[in-house]
Protein backbone atom coordinates (compact mmCIF):
# COMPACT_ATOMS: atom_id res chain seq x y z
CA UNK A 1 -11.13 18.54 93.90
CA UNK A 2 -10.19 15.26 95.53
CA UNK A 3 -10.36 12.27 93.19
CA UNK A 4 -10.62 8.78 94.61
CA UNK A 5 -10.08 5.93 92.16
CA UNK A 6 -11.44 2.47 92.96
CA UNK A 7 -11.35 -0.71 90.89
CA UNK A 8 -15.05 -1.42 90.53
CA UNK A 9 -18.05 0.86 89.95
CA UNK A 10 -20.06 -0.95 92.63
CA UNK A 11 -17.72 0.43 95.32
CA UNK A 12 -17.75 4.00 94.06
CA UNK A 13 -21.09 5.16 95.49
CA UNK A 14 -20.45 3.94 99.04
CA UNK A 15 -16.86 5.18 99.05
CA UNK A 16 -18.02 8.60 97.85
CA UNK A 17 -20.62 8.85 100.60
CA UNK A 18 -18.18 7.92 103.35
CA UNK A 19 -15.32 10.05 101.96
CA UNK A 20 -17.41 13.21 101.71
CA UNK A 21 -17.93 13.03 105.48
CA UNK A 22 -14.19 13.52 106.15
CA UNK A 23 -12.99 15.76 103.29
CA UNK A 24 -13.82 19.38 102.67
CA UNK A 25 -14.67 20.47 99.17
CA UNK A 26 -15.56 18.42 96.14
CA UNK A 27 -14.92 14.68 96.30
CA UNK A 28 -15.28 12.60 93.15
CA UNK A 29 -15.02 8.82 93.10
CA UNK A 30 -14.52 6.97 89.83
CA UNK A 31 -13.67 3.42 88.82
CA UNK A 32 -10.77 2.22 86.68
CA UNK A 33 -12.79 -0.89 85.81
CA UNK A 34 -9.78 -2.99 86.79
CA UNK A 35 -6.45 -2.93 84.95
CA UNK A 36 -5.70 -0.07 82.56
CA UNK A 37 -2.58 -1.81 81.20
CA UNK A 38 -1.53 -5.42 80.79
CA UNK A 39 0.72 -7.62 78.71
CA UNK A 40 -0.44 -7.77 75.07
CA UNK A 41 -2.90 -10.47 74.09
CA UNK A 42 -1.76 -13.12 71.64
CA UNK A 43 1.97 -12.62 72.19
CA UNK A 44 4.52 -13.20 74.90
CA UNK A 45 4.90 -9.54 75.86
CA UNK A 46 8.04 -10.24 77.89
CA UNK A 47 11.43 -9.11 76.65
CA UNK A 48 13.51 -12.07 77.85
CA UNK A 49 16.95 -10.71 76.78
CA UNK A 50 16.19 -7.43 78.60
CA UNK A 51 15.99 -9.11 82.02
CA UNK A 52 12.43 -10.36 81.40
CA UNK A 53 11.09 -6.81 81.13
CA UNK A 54 7.31 -6.80 80.67
CA UNK A 55 6.00 -4.90 77.66
CA UNK A 56 2.76 -3.41 78.94
CA UNK A 57 0.14 -2.08 76.54
CA UNK A 58 -3.05 -0.12 77.14
CA UNK A 59 -5.87 -2.50 77.97
CA UNK A 60 -8.81 -0.15 78.47
CA UNK A 61 -8.52 3.03 76.42
CA UNK A 62 -12.17 3.95 77.00
CA UNK A 63 -11.65 3.99 80.77
CA UNK A 64 -8.49 6.06 80.36
CA UNK A 65 -10.26 8.58 78.14
CA UNK A 66 -13.12 8.81 80.63
CA UNK A 67 -10.82 9.25 83.66
CA UNK A 68 -8.31 11.69 82.13
CA UNK A 69 -10.35 14.91 82.70
CA UNK A 70 -10.97 13.96 86.32
CA UNK A 71 -7.26 13.23 86.90
CA UNK A 72 -6.32 16.54 85.24
CA UNK A 73 -8.74 18.54 87.41
CA UNK A 74 -7.90 16.86 90.73
CA UNK A 75 -5.51 18.43 93.23
CA UNK A 76 -5.24 15.20 95.19
CA UNK A 77 -5.67 11.64 93.93
CA UNK A 78 -6.32 8.70 96.22
CA UNK A 79 -5.66 5.29 94.65
CA UNK A 80 -8.08 3.07 96.55
CA UNK A 81 -7.66 -0.23 94.78
CA UNK A 82 -7.97 -3.59 96.54
CA UNK A 83 -5.51 -4.27 99.39
CA UNK A 84 -3.55 -6.99 97.59
CA UNK A 85 -0.70 -7.17 95.09
CA UNK A 86 -3.08 -6.86 92.13
CA UNK A 87 -4.62 -3.73 93.64
CA UNK A 88 -1.14 -2.34 94.18
CA UNK A 89 -0.27 -3.09 90.55
CA UNK A 90 -3.45 -1.40 89.29
CA UNK A 91 -2.60 1.69 91.37
CA UNK A 92 0.95 1.68 89.95
CA UNK A 93 -0.37 1.35 86.39
CA UNK A 94 -2.62 4.37 87.02
CA UNK A 95 0.47 6.40 87.92
CA UNK A 96 2.18 5.29 84.71
CA UNK A 97 -0.80 5.92 82.42
CA UNK A 98 -1.50 9.36 83.91
CA UNK A 99 2.10 10.34 84.69
CA UNK A 100 1.89 13.76 83.04
CA UNK A 101 -1.51 14.57 84.58
CA UNK A 102 -0.30 13.56 88.06
CA UNK A 103 2.97 15.52 87.96
CA UNK A 104 3.10 17.95 90.89
CA UNK A 105 -0.03 16.58 92.55
CA UNK A 106 -0.50 14.76 95.81
CA UNK A 107 -1.02 11.08 94.98
CA UNK A 108 -1.74 8.65 97.78
CA UNK A 109 -2.29 4.92 97.99
CA UNK A 110 -5.07 3.91 100.36
CA UNK A 111 -6.91 0.67 100.93
CA UNK A 112 -9.81 -0.73 102.87
CA UNK A 113 -10.64 -4.31 103.79
CA UNK A 114 -14.38 -3.61 103.80
CA UNK A 115 -16.72 -1.04 102.33
CA UNK A 116 -18.12 0.26 105.59
CA UNK A 117 -18.08 3.81 106.92
CA UNK A 118 -15.42 3.00 109.49
CA UNK A 119 -13.17 0.98 107.15
CA UNK A 120 -13.32 3.50 104.30
CA UNK A 121 -12.68 6.50 106.53
CA UNK A 122 -9.81 4.80 108.36
CA UNK A 123 -8.33 3.70 105.04
CA UNK A 124 -8.49 7.23 103.62
CA UNK A 125 -6.75 8.58 106.72
CA UNK A 126 -3.93 5.98 106.43
CA UNK A 127 -2.58 7.22 103.15
CA UNK A 128 0.81 6.01 101.99
CA UNK A 129 3.01 5.58 98.96
CA UNK A 130 2.61 2.71 96.55
CA UNK A 131 4.34 -0.40 97.90
CA UNK A 132 6.97 -1.12 95.25
CA UNK A 133 7.59 -4.61 96.62
CA UNK A 134 3.94 -5.56 96.10
CA UNK A 135 4.05 -4.07 92.61
CA UNK A 136 7.16 -6.11 91.78
CA UNK A 137 5.45 -9.24 93.14
CA UNK A 138 2.39 -8.62 90.96
CA UNK A 139 4.49 -7.93 87.86
CA UNK A 140 6.66 -10.99 88.51
CA UNK A 141 3.55 -13.16 88.87
CA UNK A 142 2.14 -11.81 85.61
CA UNK A 143 5.43 -12.39 83.77
CA UNK A 144 5.77 -15.91 85.17
CA UNK A 145 2.17 -16.72 84.23
CA UNK A 146 2.88 -15.55 80.69
CA UNK A 147 6.18 -17.42 80.40
CA UNK A 148 4.61 -20.64 81.66
CA UNK A 149 1.54 -20.23 79.49
CA UNK A 150 3.46 -19.48 76.30
CA UNK A 151 6.51 -21.68 76.82
CA UNK A 152 5.24 -24.73 78.72
CA UNK A 153 1.66 -25.14 77.46
CA UNK A 154 2.79 -26.03 73.89
CA UNK A 155 5.01 -28.77 75.33
CA UNK A 156 2.04 -30.04 77.34
CA UNK A 157 -0.04 -30.14 74.15
CA UNK A 158 2.59 -32.28 72.47
CA UNK A 159 2.16 -34.99 75.12
CA UNK A 160 -1.50 -34.75 76.05
CA UNK A 161 -4.44 -35.00 73.69
CA UNK A 162 -6.21 -31.64 73.61
CA UNK A 163 -4.96 -28.16 72.81
CA UNK A 164 -7.46 -26.56 75.17
CA UNK A 165 -5.18 -27.33 78.11
CA UNK A 166 -3.04 -24.64 79.67
CA UNK A 167 -0.14 -25.11 82.03
CA UNK A 168 -0.53 -22.71 84.92
CA UNK A 169 1.72 -22.25 87.93
CA UNK A 170 -0.01 -24.95 89.99
CA UNK A 171 -0.49 -27.39 87.13
CA UNK A 172 3.15 -27.14 86.09
CA UNK A 173 4.40 -27.95 89.58
CA UNK A 174 1.94 -30.83 89.87
CA UNK A 175 3.06 -32.25 86.51
CA UNK A 176 6.68 -32.05 87.59
CA UNK A 177 5.89 -33.95 90.82
CA UNK A 178 3.92 -36.57 88.89
CA UNK A 179 6.82 -37.02 86.47
CA UNK A 180 9.14 -37.65 89.43
CA UNK A 181 11.46 -34.74 88.68
């Protein structure tokens, strides 16, 4: 069986239809429903002394439990998440969550910029490895977002009335410019 994993269920039906036209045998398309792992909610989740290592936790156990039998049965797995750094990170997280089930199997990263017959079939033919640089960019962005949110937002609250404010990457830079620093 060939298993194709996409991010959203709405893409699965069309991708399955187009993929079955180019692959022999059984083709199954399933959705991860987005991220399977993330930084923990309600805590920093970044080990600062250990070179800012992120401490990922399972985010969607139900999706993992649902996908596990398909991953186990598949001979080939195509990770067809979105063609951006977040999609690359989701694909990488899939390989971490299902590391034992994927051992010894062909695992490919594919992407499409549209859900059309031509785009899907071309994307499936242009299989590749996961782009580690894009994964590192996504992880770095997530860590920086968390550090800014947990370390800078409380300082913002101390100077601005309202604890519902959050300092994001753009807001923090804008505040720094406004402060003349």
